[in-house]
Amino acid sequence: MNTESFALDPHRPAWDLLGARGERLSLSVLLAGLAAMALPTLWELSNTVWSGDEQGHGPVILGVALWLMWRVRTQLAALPYAPAAFSGIGLLALALVCHVMGRSLEIVQLEVGALIIATAALLLLVRGWPGLRLALFPLFLLLFIVPLPGVFVQTITVPLKTAVSYMAEWLMYGLGYPVARTGVILAVGQYQLLGADACAGLTSMFTLECLGLVYVNLIGHHSTLHKTLLAILILPIAFLANVVRVVILVLVTYHFGDAAGQGFVHGFAGIVLFVVATALMFGTDNLLGLLRLGRRNVAAGA
């Protein structure tokens, strides 16, 4: 009869009487519980917050975070079985309290926060603190899917729309176009374009910041200062890319009419936004690298 030798396994503490099969069973139970918590919340998000333009970045960021978690799956599996039981159970209890409060009081921020806490608890219960540290960045990205309060969104959206409209007016005036602005309304030729909430670029800024942080995390040949500066500069890069998007829409409307500006080109301008932002991010990365190389040469020459 085959028996498992627990004490002789260097990766398994002597007090563990569950064995590999018990570990797989406990992991399956924890994953099933996490899925039971997550599915109703994600379904609600997909039909409410994520269906709008202001916070439609959620599914993209969730997909990126899950992909990063999938990338470290082999490293997680290779870690020794050393669960941090006390911390994991404490976090799991906190996650359950937040989940129950969020569901009963209809506070979706608490529900999403509970999912992040529960995922951290699962990692602690299965692989301990080394496992949590290994998956810390994907867990951090999940904070971006926590829905922003409506008051905060409106507070940020209005000044963003105004700033984007101002920059678009300034650029088009410099190019010689007959353009005028009243608040967030741009008048160019015979057309008047009202800046919608989507034109504020809040969704694109969150998405680009998330993707930029992923890029910063994946590049391993730069200094911490370089990565920090690049992460900070992603926000103005996203803003400038959104200004380019609005200018393109205004130019298309001016030259080809309102139908063209609101048709296929309107959706295509979103692709242009990400292309411009990606090009600016790579350019900024290279520029920071050149500046760092220049400082090294100056220091070496001195």
C-alpha atoms as a PDB file:
ATOM      1  CA  MET A   1       0.000   0.000   0.000  1.00  0.00           C
ATOM      2  CA  ASN A   2       1.353   3.429  -1.006  1.00  0.00           C
ATOM      3  CA  THR A   3       1.669   5.921   1.800  1.00  0.00           C
ATOM      4  CA  GLU A   4       2.919   9.499   1.756  1.00  0.00           C
ATOM      5  CA  SER A   5       5.952  10.347   3.884  1.00  0.00           C
ATOM      6  CA  PHE A   6       5.252  13.746   5.377  1.00  0.00           C
ATOM      7  CA  ALA A   7       8.219  14.173   7.692  1.00  0.00           C
ATOM      8  CA  LEU A   8      10.778  13.346   5.015  1.00  0.00           C
ATOM      9  CA  ASP A   9       9.427  15.925   2.546  1.00  0.00           C
ATOM     10  CA  PRO A  10      11.641  19.044   2.954  1.00  0.00           C
ATOM     11  CA  HIS A  11       8.974  21.197   1.307  1.00  0.00           C
ATOM     12  CA  ARG A  12       6.243  20.156   3.729  1.00  0.00           C
ATOM     13  CA  PRO A  13       6.235  20.825   7.482  1.00  0.00           C
ATOM     14  CA  ALA A  14       6.065  17.827   9.802  1.00  0.00           C
ATOM     15  CA  TRP A  15       2.785  18.991  11.322  1.00  0.00           C
ATOM     16  CA  ASP A  16       0.993  18.872   7.979  1.00  0.00           C
ATOM     17  CA  LEU A  17      -1.168  15.717   7.945  1.00  0.00           C
ATOM     18  CA  LEU A  18      -3.059  16.570   4.760  1.00  0.00           C
ATOM     19  CA  GLY A  19      -0.457  15.589   2.221  1.00  0.00           C
ATOM     20  CA  ALA A  20      -0.396  16.544  -1.445  1.00  0.00           C
ATOM     21  CA  ARG A  21      -3.941  15.303  -2.026  1.00  0.00           C
ATOM     22  CA  GLY A  22      -5.234  17.320   0.900  1.00  0.00           C
ATOM     23  CA  GLU A  23      -3.377  20.361  -0.396  1.00  0.00           C
ATOM     24  CA  ARG A  24      -5.027  20.012  -3.791  1.00  0.00           C
ATOM     25  CA  LEU A  25      -8.403  19.557  -2.146  1.00  0.00           C
ATOM     26  CA  SER A  26      -7.993  22.636   0.047  1.00  0.00           C
ATOM     27  CA  LEU A  27      -6.833  24.659  -2.967  1.00  0.00           C
ATOM     28  CA  SER A  28      -9.882  23.533  -4.937  1.00  0.00           C
ATOM     29  CA  VAL A  29     -12.181  24.555  -2.088  1.00  0.00           C
ATOM     30  CA  LEU A  30     -10.519  27.971  -1.775  1.00  0.00           C
ATOM     31  CA  LEU A  31     -10.701  28.581  -5.537  1.00  0.00           C
ATOM     32  CA  ALA A  32     -14.367  27.534  -5.596  1.00  0.00           C
ATOM     33  CA  GLY A  33     -15.105  29.937  -2.753  1.00  0.00           C
ATOM     34  CA  LEU A  34     -13.257  32.762  -4.517  1.00  0.00           C
ATOM     35  CA  ALA A  35     -15.209  32.064  -7.719  1.00  0.00           C
ATOM     36  CA  ALA A  36     -18.493  32.089  -5.775  1.00  0.00           C
ATOM     37  CA  MET A  37     -17.583  35.537  -4.454  1.00  0.00           C
ATOM     38  CA  ALA A  38     -16.250  36.894  -7.730  1.00  0.00           C
ATOM     39  CA  LEU A  39     -18.820  35.838 -10.321  1.00  0.00           C
ATOM     40  CA  PRO A  40     -21.835  37.806  -8.982  1.00  0.00           C
ATOM     41  CA  THR A  41     -19.685  40.905  -8.467  1.00  0.00           C
ATOM     42  CA  LEU A  42     -18.130  40.731 -11.930  1.00  0.00           C
ATOM     43  CA  TRP A  43     -21.553  40.166 -13.485  1.00  0.00           C
ATOM     44  CA  GLU A  44     -22.886  43.245 -11.728  1.00  0.00           C
ATOM     45  CA  LEU A  45     -19.880  45.320 -12.818  1.00  0.00           C
ATOM     46  CA  SER A  46     -20.271  44.239 -16.444  1.00  0.00           C
ATOM     47  CA  ASN A  47     -23.894  45.384 -16.447  1.00  0.00           C
ATOM     48  CA  THR A  48     -23.369  48.669 -14.585  1.00  0.00           C
ATOM     49  CA  VAL A  49     -20.065  50.447 -14.136  1.00  0.00           C
ATOM     50  CA  TRP A  50     -18.095  48.710 -16.890  1.00  0.00           C
ATOM     51  CA  SER A  51     -20.832  49.257 -19.477  1.00  0.00           C
ATOM     52  CA  GLY A  52     -20.311  53.046 -19.401  1.00  0.00           C
ATOM     53  CA  ASP A  53     -17.604  55.147 -21.009  1.00  0.00           C
ATOM     54  CA  GLU A  54     -16.219  56.650 -17.802  1.00  0.00           C
ATOM     55  CA  GLN A  55     -14.970  53.406 -16.217  1.00  0.00           C
ATOM     56  CA  GLY A  56     -14.950  50.974 -19.116  1.00  0.00           C
ATOM     57  CA  HIS A  57     -11.271  50.241 -18.449  1.00  0.00           C
ATOM     58  CA  GLY A  58     -12.144  47.597 -15.838  1.00  0.00           C
ATOM     59  CA  PRO A  59     -12.275  44.481 -18.057  1.00  0.00           C
ATOM     60  CA  VAL A  60      -8.987  45.393 -19.767  1.00  0.00           C
ATOM     61  CA  ILE A  61      -7.170  45.853 -16.464  1.00  0.00           C
ATOM     62  CA  LEU A  62      -8.706  42.675 -15.041  1.00  0.00           C
ATOM     63  CA  GLY A  63      -7.504  40.723 -18.077  1.00  0.00           C
ATOM     64  CA  VAL A  64      -3.983  42.138 -17.766  1.00  0.00           C
ATOM     65  CA  ALA A  65      -3.835  41.308 -14.040  1.00  0.00           C
ATOM     66  CA  LEU A  66      -5.017  37.734 -14.658  1.00  0.00           C
ATOM     67  CA  TRP A  67      -2.441  37.347 -17.442  1.00  0.00           C
ATOM     68  CA  LEU A  68       0.333  38.498 -15.103  1.00  0.00           C
ATOM     69  CA  MET A  69      -0.904  36.062 -12.467  1.00  0.00           C
ATOM     70  CA  TRP A  70      -0.859  33.294 -15.071  1.00  0.00           C
ATOM     71  CA  ARG A  71       2.747  34.183 -15.980  1.00  0.00           C
ATOM     72  CA  VAL A  72       3.969  33.449 -12.450  1.00  0.00           C
ATOM     73  CA  ARG A  73       1.968  30.248 -12.019  1.00  0.00           C
ATOM     74  CA  THR A  74       5.049  28.033 -12.471  1.00  0.00           C
ATOM     75  CA  GLN A  75       7.024  30.031  -9.920  1.00  0.00           C
ATOM     76  CA  LEU A  76       4.120  29.864  -7.491  1.00  0.00           C
ATOM     77  CA  ALA A  77       3.824  26.092  -7.918  1.00  0.00           C
ATOM     78  CA  ALA A  78       7.563  25.697  -7.336  1.00  0.00           C
ATOM     79  CA  LEU A  79       7.448  27.475  -3.975  1.00  0.00           C
ATOM     80  CA  PRO A  80       7.595  25.286  -0.854  1.00  0.00           C
ATOM     81  CA  TYR A  81       4.316  24.484   0.847  1.00  0.00           C
ATOM     82  CA  ALA A  82       4.561  26.856   3.821  1.00  0.00           C
ATOM     83  CA  PRO A  83       1.138  28.413   4.473  1.00  0.00           C
ATOM     84  CA  ALA A  84       0.858  31.507   6.652  1.00  0.00           C
ATOM     85  CA  ALA A  85      -2.256  30.154   8.332  1.00  0.00           C
ATOM     86  CA  PHE A  86      -2.858  32.881  10.917  1.00  0.00           C
ATOM     87  CA  SER A  87      -2.439  35.786   8.478  1.00  0.00           C
ATOM     88  CA  GLY A  88      -4.320  33.992   5.715  1.00  0.00           C
ATOM     89  CA  ILE A  89      -7.327  33.155   7.890  1.00  0.00           C
ATOM     90  CA  GLY A  90      -7.376  36.716   9.240  1.00  0.00           C
ATOM     91  CA  LEU A  91      -7.384  38.200   5.719  1.00  0.00           C
ATOM     92  CA  LEU A  92     -10.005  35.701   4.606  1.00  0.00           C
ATOM     93  CA  ALA A  93     -12.260  36.697   7.500  1.00  0.00           C
ATOM     94  CA  LEU A  94     -11.789  40.375   6.586  1.00  0.00           C
ATOM     95  CA  ALA A  95     -12.639  39.603   2.958  1.00  0.00           C
ATOM     96  CA  LEU A  96     -15.842  37.807   3.961  1.00  0.00           C
ATOM     97  CA  VAL A  97     -16.921  40.722   6.177  1.00  0.00           C
ATOM     98  CA  CYS A  98     -16.264  43.214   3.363  1.00  0.00           C
ATOM     99  CA  HIS A  99     -18.096  41.011   0.877  1.00  0.00           C
ATOM    100  CA  VAL A 100     -21.174  40.611   3.070  1.00  0.00           C
ATOM    101  CA  MET A 101     -21.273  44.339   3.832  1.00  0.00           C
ATOM    102  CA  GLY A 102     -20.779  45.228   0.177  1.00  0.00           C
ATOM    103  CA  ARG A 103     -23.551  42.902  -1.007  1.00  0.00           C
ATOM    104  CA  SER A 104     -26.026  43.865   1.697  1.00  0.00           C
ATOM    105  CA  LEU A 105     -25.396  47.617   1.497  1.00  0.00           C
ATOM    106  CA  GLU A 106     -24.866  47.601  -2.300  1.00  0.00           C
ATOM    107  CA  ILE A 107     -21.402  49.125  -2.039  1.00  0.00           C
ATOM    108  CA  VAL A 108     -19.605  47.682  -5.026  1.00  0.00           C
ATOM    109  CA  GLN A 109     -16.260  49.137  -3.935  1.00  0.00           C
ATOM    110  CA  LEU A 110     -16.362  46.900  -0.862  1.00  0.00           C
ATOM    111  CA  GLU A 111     -17.237  43.881  -2.995  1.00  0.00           C
ATOM    112  CA  VAL A 112     -14.305  44.390  -5.348  1.00  0.00           C
ATOM    113  CA  GLY A 113     -11.981  45.125  -2.449  1.00  0.00           C
ATOM    114  CA  ALA A 114     -13.125  41.874  -0.826  1.00  0.00           C
ATOM    115  CA  LEU A 115     -12.095  39.935  -3.954  1.00  0.00           C
ATOM    116  CA  ILE A 116      -8.589  41.407  -3.846  1.00  0.00           C
ATOM    117  CA  ILE A 117      -8.233  40.657  -0.134  1.00  0.00           C
ATOM    118  CA  ALA A 118      -9.577  37.121  -0.627  1.00  0.00           C
ATOM    119  CA  THR A 119      -7.060  36.478  -3.416  1.00  0.00           C
ATOM    120  CA  ALA A 120      -4.240  37.622  -1.135  1.00  0.00           C
ATOM    121  CA  ALA A 121      -5.593  35.364   1.618  1.00  0.00           C
ATOM    122  CA  LEU A 122      -5.672  32.396  -0.754  1.00  0.00           C
ATOM    123  CA  LEU A 123      -2.018  32.954  -1.660  1.00  0.00           C
ATOM    124  CA  LEU A 124      -1.076  33.128   2.015  1.00  0.00           C
ATOM    125  CA  LEU A 125      -2.959  29.933   2.804  1.00  0.00           C
ATOM    126  CA  VAL A 126      -1.372  28.046  -0.073  1.00  0.00           C
ATOM    127  CA  ARG A 127       2.161  29.447  -0.460  1.00  0.00           C
ATOM    128  CA  GLY A 128       2.657  31.852   2.434  1.00  0.00           C
ATOM    129  CA  TRP A 129       4.355  35.229   2.267  1.00  0.00           C
ATOM    130  CA  PRO A 130       6.729  34.266  -0.594  1.00  0.00           C
ATOM    131  CA  GLY A 131       3.694  33.466  -2.744  1.00  0.00           C
ATOM    132  CA  LEU A 132       2.031  36.763  -1.866  1.00  0.00           C
ATOM    133  CA  ARG A 133       5.194  38.712  -2.682  1.00  0.00           C
ATOM    134  CA  LEU A 134       5.470  36.923  -6.028  1.00  0.00           C
ATOM    135  CA  ALA A 135       1.924  37.950  -6.999  1.00  0.00           C
ATOM    136  CA  LEU A 136       2.033  41.392  -5.395  1.00  0.00           C
ATOM    137  CA  PHE A 137       2.133  43.374  -8.651  1.00  0.00           C
ATOM    138  CA  PRO A 138      -0.919  41.665 -10.247  1.00  0.00           C
ATOM    139  CA  LEU A 139      -2.787  42.230  -6.983  1.00  0.00           C
ATOM    140  CA  PHE A 140      -1.785  45.902  -7.082  1.00  0.00           C
ATOM    141  CA  LEU A 141      -3.151  46.217 -10.615  1.00  0.00           C
ATOM    142  CA  LEU A 142      -6.493  44.871  -9.406  1.00  0.00           C
ATOM    143  CA  LEU A 143      -6.880  48.074  -7.387  1.00  0.00           C
ATOM    144  CA  PHE A 144      -7.484  49.827 -10.722  1.00  0.00           C
ATOM    145  CA  ILE A 145     -10.728  47.882 -11.219  1.00  0.00           C
ATOM    146  CA  VAL A 146     -12.236  49.208  -7.982  1.00  0.00           C
ATOM    147  CA  PRO A 147     -15.038  51.490  -9.261  1.00  0.00           C
ATOM    148  CA  LEU A 148     -14.495  55.161  -8.554  1.00  0.00           C
ATOM    149  CA  PRO A 149     -17.281  56.987  -6.696  1.00  0.00           C
ATOM    150  CA  GLY A 150     -19.570  58.938  -9.008  1.00  0.00           C
ATOM    151  CA  VAL A 151     -18.860  62.235  -7.242  1.00  0.00           C
ATOM    152  CA  PHE A 152     -15.122  61.746  -7.746  1.00  0.00           C
ATOM    153  CA  VAL A 153     -15.604  60.870 -11.431  1.00  0.00           C
ATOM    154  CA  GLN A 154     -17.650  64.016 -12.054  1.00  0.00           C
ATOM    155  CA  THR A 155     -15.177  66.146 -10.125  1.00  0.00           C
ATOM    156  CA  ILE A 156     -12.275  64.888 -12.247  1.00  0.00           C
ATOM    157  CA  THR A 157     -14.133  64.716 -15.571  1.00  0.00           C
ATOM    158  CA  VAL A 158     -15.131  68.395 -15.797  1.00  0.00           C
ATOM    159  CA  PRO A 159     -11.638  69.905 -15.457  1.00  0.00           C
ATOM    160  CA  LEU A 160     -10.192  67.170 -17.704  1.00  0.00           C
ATOM    161  CA  LYS A 161     -12.711  67.958 -20.454  1.00  0.00           C
ATOM    162  CA  THR A 162     -11.963  71.666 -20.127  1.00  0.00           C
ATOM    163  CA  ALA A 163      -8.203  71.095 -20.316  1.00  0.00           C
ATOM    164  CA  VAL A 164      -8.521  68.797 -23.355  1.00  0.00           C
ATOM    165  CA  SER A 165     -10.784  71.316 -25.133  1.00  0.00           C
ATOM    166  CA  TYR A 166      -8.353  74.150 -24.366  1.00  0.00           C
ATOM    167  CA  MET A 167      -5.359  72.221 -25.720  1.00  0.00           C
ATOM    168  CA  ALA A 168      -7.287  71.159 -28.827  1.00  0.00           C
ATOM    169  CA  GLU A 169      -8.284  74.783 -29.479  1.00  0.00           C
ATOM    170  CA  TRP A 170      -4.708  75.960 -29.006  1.00  0.00           C
ATOM    171  CA  LEU A 171      -3.299  73.377 -31.415  1.00  0.00           C
ATOM    172  CA  MET A 172      -5.917  73.968 -34.113  1.00  0.00           C
ATOM    173  CA  TYR A 173      -5.570  77.738 -33.851  1.00  0.00           C
ATOM    174  CA  GLY A 174      -1.829  77.317 -34.285  1.00  0.00           C
ATOM    175  CA  LEU A 175      -2.514  75.277 -37.423  1.00  0.00           C
ATOM    176  CA  GLY A 176      -4.612  78.134 -38.828  1.00  0.00           C
ATOM    177  CA  TYR A 177      -8.119  76.690 -38.397  1.00  0.00           C
ATOM    178  CA  PRO A 178     -11.105  78.930 -37.558  1.00  0.00           C
ATOM    179  CA  VAL A 179     -11.714  77.574 -34.093  1.00  0.00           C
ATOM    180  CA  ALA A 180     -13.256  79.019 -30.944  1.00  0.00           C
ATOM    181  CA  ARG A 181     -14.051  77.545 -27.568  1.00  0.00           C
ATOM    182  CA  THR A 182     -16.755  78.133 -24.995  1.00  0.00           C
ATOM    183  CA  GLY A 183     -16.184  75.925 -21.980  1.00  0.00           C
ATOM    184  CA  VAL A 184     -16.040  72.405 -23.431  1.00  0.00           C
ATOM    185  CA  ILE A 185     -17.740  73.376 -26.721  1.00  0.00           C
ATOM    186  CA  LEU A 186     -15.449  73.701 -29.738  1.00  0.00           C
ATOM    187  CA  ALA A 187     -16.721  75.687 -32.724  1.00  0.00           C
ATOM    188  CA  VAL A 188     -14.801  75.054 -35.938  1.00  0.00           C
ATOM    189  CA  GLY A 189     -16.187  76.406 -39.186  1.00  0.00           C
ATOM    190  CA  GLN A 190     -19.910  75.700 -39.282  1.00  0.00           C
ATOM    191  CA  TYR A 191     -19.735  72.909 -36.729  1.00  0.00           C
ATOM    192  CA  GLN A 192     -20.018  72.913 -32.956  1.00  0.00           C
ATOM    193  CA  LEU A 193     -18.683  69.942 -31.024  1.00  0.00           C
ATOM    194  CA  LEU A 194     -19.594  69.333 -27.409  1.00  0.00           C
ATOM    195  CA  GLY A 195     -16.972  67.500 -25.403  1.00  0.00           C
ATOM    196  CA  ALA A 196     -18.649  64.434 -23.925  1.00  0.00           C
ATOM    197  CA  ASP A 197     -17.495  62.815 -20.693  1.00  0.00           C
ATOM    198  CA  ALA A 198     -15.608  60.227 -22.735  1.00  0.00           C
ATOM    199  CA  CYS A 199     -13.553  63.056 -24.258  1.00  0.00           C
ATOM    200  CA  ALA A 200     -12.088  63.749 -20.828  1.00  0.00           C
ATOM    201  CA  GLY A 201     -10.001  60.630 -21.333  1.00  0.00           C
ATOM    202  CA  LEU A 202     -10.490  59.267 -17.817  1.00  0.00           C
ATOM    203  CA  THR A 203     -10.902  55.706 -19.101  1.00  0.00           C
ATOM    204  CA  SER A 204      -7.909  55.961 -21.407  1.00  0.00           C
ATOM    205  CA  MET A 205      -5.774  57.472 -18.650  1.00  0.00           C
ATOM    206  CA  PHE A 206      -6.534  54.585 -16.294  1.00  0.00           C
ATOM    207  CA  THR A 207      -5.978  51.985 -19.008  1.00  0.00           C
ATOM    208  CA  LEU A 208      -2.763  53.551 -20.252  1.00  0.00           C
ATOM    209  CA  GLU A 209      -1.452  54.000 -16.721  1.00  0.00           C
ATOM    210  CA  CYS A 210      -2.145  50.328 -16.061  1.00  0.00           C
ATOM    211  CA  LEU A 211      -0.465  49.182 -19.288  1.00  0.00           C
ATOM    212  CA  GLY A 212       2.413  51.561 -18.651  1.00  0.00           C
ATOM    213  CA  LEU A 213       2.948  50.115 -15.186  1.00  0.00           C
ATOM    214  CA  VAL A 214       2.963  46.640 -16.736  1.00  0.00           C
ATOM    215  CA  TYR A 215       5.609  47.794 -19.200  1.00  0.00           C
ATOM    216  CA  VAL A 216       7.655  49.335 -16.385  1.00  0.00           C
ATOM    217  CA  ASN A 217       7.335  46.114 -14.396  1.00  0.00           C
ATOM    218  CA  LEU A 218       8.373  43.889 -17.286  1.00  0.00           C
ATOM    219  CA  ILE A 219      11.513  45.812 -18.276  1.00  0.00           C
ATOM    220  CA  GLY A 220      14.275  44.692 -15.985  1.00  0.00           C
ATOM    221  CA  HIS A 221      17.272  46.623 -17.300  1.00  0.00           C
ATOM    222  CA  HIS A 222      16.414  50.079 -15.924  1.00  0.00           C
ATOM    223  CA  SER A 223      17.067  51.703 -12.576  1.00  0.00           C
ATOM    224  CA  THR A 224      14.359  52.261  -9.967  1.00  0.00           C
ATOM    225  CA  LEU A 225      14.506  56.031 -10.602  1.00  0.00           C
ATOM    226  CA  HIS A 226      14.059  55.455 -14.340  1.00  0.00           C
ATOM    227  CA  LYS A 227      11.030  53.250 -13.779  1.00  0.00           C
ATOM    228  CA  THR A 228       9.504  55.670 -11.267  1.00  0.00           C
ATOM    229  CA  LEU A 229       9.865  58.660 -13.589  1.00  0.00           C
ATOM    230  CA  LEU A 230       8.400  56.707 -16.495  1.00  0.00           C
ATOM    231  CA  ALA A 231       5.432  55.587 -14.394  1.00  0.00           C
ATOM    232  CA  ILE A 232       4.758  59.202 -13.350  1.00  0.00           C
ATOM    233  CA  LEU A 233       5.085  60.545 -16.906  1.00  0.00           C
ATOM    234  CA  ILE A 234       2.523  58.077 -18.245  1.00  0.00           C
ATOM    235  CA  LEU A 235      -0.307  60.312 -16.976  1.00  0.00           C
ATOM    236  CA  PRO A 236       0.663  63.418 -19.007  1.00  0.00           C
ATOM    237  CA  ILE A 237       1.413  61.110 -21.948  1.00  0.00           C
ATOM    238  CA  ALA A 238      -2.145  59.744 -21.764  1.00  0.00           C
ATOM    239  CA  PHE A 239      -3.502  63.301 -21.571  1.00  0.00           C
ATOM    240  CA  LEU A 240      -1.553  64.410 -24.663  1.00  0.00           C
ATOM    241  CA  ALA A 241      -2.645  61.316 -26.577  1.00  0.00           C
ATOM    242  CA  ASN A 242      -6.270  62.124 -25.774  1.00  0.00           C
ATOM    243  CA  VAL A 243      -5.771  65.690 -27.025  1.00  0.00           C
ATOM    244  CA  VAL A 244      -4.496  64.243 -30.326  1.00  0.00           C
ATOM    245  CA  ARG A 245      -7.610  62.059 -30.489  1.00  0.00           C
ATOM    246  CA  VAL A 246      -9.941  65.032 -30.031  1.00  0.00           C
ATOM    247  CA  VAL A 247      -8.037  67.094 -32.622  1.00  0.00           C
ATOM    248  CA  ILE A 248      -8.370  64.261 -35.149  1.00  0.00           C
ATOM    249  CA  LEU A 249     -12.135  64.077 -34.567  1.00  0.00           C
ATOM    250  CA  VAL A 250     -12.485  67.851 -34.952  1.00  0.00           C
ATOM    251  CA  LEU A 251     -10.415  67.878 -38.160  1.00  0.00           C
ATOM    252  CA  VAL A 252     -12.414  65.018 -39.670  1.00  0.00           C
ATOM    253  CA  THR A 253     -15.673  66.786 -38.812  1.00  0.00           C
ATOM    254  CA  TYR A 254     -14.434  70.070 -40.277  1.00  0.00           C
ATOM    255  CA  HIS A 255     -13.232  68.564 -43.578  1.00  0.00           C
ATOM    256  CA  PHE A 256     -15.708  65.704 -44.121  1.00  0.00           C
ATOM    257  CA  GLY A 257     -18.804  66.606 -42.132  1.00  0.00           C
ATOM    258  CA  ASP A 258     -20.493  65.599 -38.916  1.00  0.00           C
ATOM    259  CA  ALA A 259     -21.463  62.118 -40.173  1.00  0.00           C
ATOM    260  CA  ALA A 260     -17.823  61.228 -40.820  1.00  0.00           C
ATOM    261  CA  GLY A 261     -16.704  62.529 -37.431  1.00  0.00           C
ATOM    262  CA  GLN A 262     -19.315  60.510 -35.566  1.00  0.00           C
ATOM    263  CA  GLY A 263     -18.996  57.360 -37.677  1.00  0.00           C
ATOM    264  CA  PHE A 264     -16.152  54.922 -38.159  1.00  0.00           C
ATOM    265  CA  VAL A 265     -13.501  57.566 -37.542  1.00  0.00           C
ATOM    266  CA  HIS A 266     -14.829  58.157 -34.026  1.00  0.00           C
ATOM    267  CA  GLY A 267     -14.016  54.577 -33.071  1.00  0.00           C
ATOM    268  CA  PHE A 268     -10.776  54.557 -35.056  1.00  0.00           C
ATOM    269  CA  ALA A 269      -9.589  57.645 -33.158  1.00  0.00           C
ATOM    270  CA  GLY A 270      -9.544  55.513 -30.023  1.00  0.00           C
ATOM    271  CA  ILE A 271      -7.023  53.197 -31.682  1.00  0.00           C
ATOM    272  CA  VAL A 272      -4.975  56.231 -32.697  1.00  0.00           C
ATOM    273  CA  LEU A 273      -4.974  57.338 -29.051  1.00  0.00           C
ATOM    274  CA  PHE A 274      -3.329  54.105 -27.901  1.00  0.00           C
ATOM    275  CA  VAL A 275      -0.868  54.137 -30.809  1.00  0.00           C
ATOM    276  CA  VAL A 276       0.190  57.711 -30.014  1.00  0.00           C
ATOM    277  CA  ALA A 277       0.405  56.986 -26.288  1.00  0.00           C
ATOM    278  CA  THR A 278       2.504  53.854 -26.881  1.00  0.00           C
ATOM    279  CA  ALA A 279       4.872  55.758 -29.195  1.00  0.00           C
ATOM    280  CA  LEU A 280       5.234  58.569 -26.652  1.00  0.00           C
ATOM    281  CA  MET A 281       5.861  56.066 -23.856  1.00  0.00           C
ATOM    282  CA  PHE A 282       8.599  54.290 -25.794  1.00  0.00           C
ATOM    283  CA  GLY A 283      10.092  57.639 -26.805  1.00  0.00           C
ATOM    284  CA  THR A 284      10.082  58.837 -23.191  1.00  0.00           C
ATOM    285  CA  ASP A 285      11.664  55.557 -22.088  1.00  0.00           C
ATOM    286  CA  ASN A 286      14.456  55.969 -24.633  1.00  0.00           C
ATOM    287  CA  LEU A 287      14.938  59.629 -23.704  1.00  0.00           C
ATOM    288  CA  LEU A 288      15.271  58.788 -20.016  1.00  0.00           C
ATOM    289  CA  GLY A 289      17.759  56.089 -20.962  1.00  0.00           C
ATOM    290  CA  LEU A 290      19.829  58.573 -22.982  1.00  0.00           C
ATOM    291  CA  LEU A 291      19.792  61.086 -20.119  1.00  0.00           C
ATOM    292  CA  ARG A 292      20.908  58.378 -17.686  1.00  0.00           C
ATOM    293  CA  LEU A 293      23.652  57.312 -20.091  1.00  0.00           C
ATOM    294  CA  GLY A 294      24.729  60.953 -20.468  1.00  0.00           C
ATOM    295  CA  ARG A 295      24.999  61.386 -16.710  1.00  0.00           C
ATOM    296  CA  ARG A 296      27.092  58.225 -16.490  1.00  0.00           C
ATOM    297  CA  ASN A 297      29.460  59.502 -19.200  1.00  0.00           C
ATOM    298  CA  VAL A 298      29.769  62.874 -17.487  1.00  0.00           C
ATOM    299  CA  ALA A 299      30.481  61.171 -14.170  1.00  0.00           C
ATOM    300  CA  ALA A 300      33.039  58.880 -15.815  1.00  0.00           C
ATOM    301  CA  GLY A 301      34.727  61.846 -17.509  1.00  0.00           C
ATOM    302  CA  ALA A 302      34.917  63.748 -14.252  1.00  0.00           C
END
